[in-house]
Amino acid sequence: MEEQQHNAQIEKIANMLTEDNVSVDEQDSQNLQKYKDQTISDCDVSEDDAIKIVYEALLYLKLKNSSGVDPIQKGDQFGAGFS
């Protein structure tokens, strides 16, 4: 998957998570299934790759909502794939 598509998918899933009021600390795979399925459908990736994107979206939201941290500038420090 190209980086631009990867980043767009992270943002799409992050928006869905926000709209659904999912906690940025959510870890229950059952609660994240909807977002994993959406990623598989959108990007034609494996289940493992899809859940990684969902977790990156959660990390993105966590960084975005923390004070004084720009997730785009600091994401690489946390191993996030977005830029």
Protein backbone atom coordinates (compact mmCIF):
# COMPACT_ATOMS: atom_id res chain seq x y z
CA MET A 1 0.00 0.00 0.00
CA GLU A 2 1.31 3.43 -0.87
CA GLU A 3 2.12 5.80 1.98
CA GLN A 4 -0.52 8.31 0.87
CA GLN A 5 -3.24 5.63 0.82
CA HIS A 6 -2.01 4.29 4.17
CA ASN A 7 -2.21 7.73 5.78
CA ALA A 8 -5.63 8.42 4.26
CA GLN A 9 -6.94 5.14 5.66
CA ILE A 10 -5.59 5.97 9.12
CA GLU A 11 -7.38 9.29 9.00
CA LYS A 12 -10.61 7.68 7.75
CA ILE A 13 -10.58 5.10 10.55
CA ALA A 14 -9.69 7.78 13.11
CA ASN A 15 -12.72 9.79 11.99
CA MET A 16 -14.96 6.72 12.27
CA LEU A 17 -13.63 5.98 15.75
CA THR A 18 -14.28 9.56 16.81
CA GLU A 19 -17.81 9.54 15.40
CA ASP A 20 -18.52 6.29 17.27
CA ASN A 21 -17.02 7.65 20.53
CA VAL A 22 -14.54 4.78 20.80
CA SER A 23 -11.94 5.27 23.52
CA VAL A 24 -8.41 5.88 22.26
CA ASP A 25 -7.36 3.17 24.74
CA GLU A 26 -9.69 0.53 23.28
CA GLN A 27 -7.98 -2.86 22.89
CA ASP A 28 -10.91 -5.29 22.62
CA SER A 29 -10.73 -6.87 19.18
CA GLN A 30 -14.51 -7.35 19.11
CA ASN A 31 -15.04 -3.60 19.53
CA LEU A 32 -12.52 -2.87 16.77
CA GLN A 33 -13.82 -5.46 14.29
CA LYS A 34 -15.92 -2.90 12.38
CA TYR A 35 -12.86 -0.76 11.68
CA LYS A 36 -10.69 -3.73 10.75
CA ASP A 37 -13.36 -4.94 8.31
CA GLN A 38 -13.66 -1.46 6.81
CA THR A 39 -9.90 -1.33 6.27
CA ILE A 40 -9.85 -4.77 4.65
CA SER A 41 -12.67 -3.68 2.35
CA ASP A 42 -11.11 -0.32 1.48
CA CYS A 43 -7.50 -1.41 1.05
CA ASP A 44 -7.57 -5.15 0.27
CA VAL A 45 -5.05 -5.94 3.01
CA SER A 46 -4.64 -8.91 5.33
CA GLU A 47 -6.35 -9.01 8.73
CA ASP A 48 -3.00 -8.45 10.43
CA ASP A 49 -2.26 -5.37 8.34
CA ALA A 50 -5.79 -4.08 8.85
CA ILE A 51 -5.62 -4.26 12.65
CA LYS A 52 -2.25 -2.50 12.56
CA ILE A 53 -3.88 0.36 10.69
CA VAL A 54 -6.70 0.48 13.26
CA TYR A 55 -4.16 0.64 16.08
CA GLU A 56 -2.26 3.37 14.23
CA ALA A 57 -5.54 5.30 14.00
CA LEU A 58 -6.00 4.94 17.76
CA LEU A 59 -2.44 6.14 18.33
CA TYR A 60 -3.03 9.04 15.96
CA LEU A 61 -6.11 10.07 17.95
CA LYS A 62 -4.29 9.70 21.25
CA LEU A 63 -1.44 11.91 20.05
CA LYS A 64 -3.82 14.37 18.42
CA ASN A 65 -5.78 14.77 21.67
CA SER A 66 -2.75 15.13 23.91
CA SER A 67 -1.64 18.62 24.76
CA GLY A 68 1.46 20.02 23.15
CA VAL A 69 2.10 17.10 20.78
CA ASP A 70 1.69 17.36 17.03
CA PRO A 71 1.00 13.77 15.86
CA ILE A 72 2.22 14.51 12.36
CA GLN A 73 5.55 15.90 13.60
CA LYS A 74 6.07 13.49 16.51
CA GLY A 75 4.45 10.31 15.15
CA ASP A 76 7.76 8.77 14.06
CA GLN A 77 8.96 8.85 17.67
CA PHE A 78 6.18 6.41 18.52
CA GLY A 79 6.59 4.18 15.48
CA ALA A 80 3.50 5.55 13.75
CA GLY A 81 3.41 5.21 9.99
CA PHE A 82 1.73 8.48 9.21
CA SER A 83 3.50 11.59 8.06
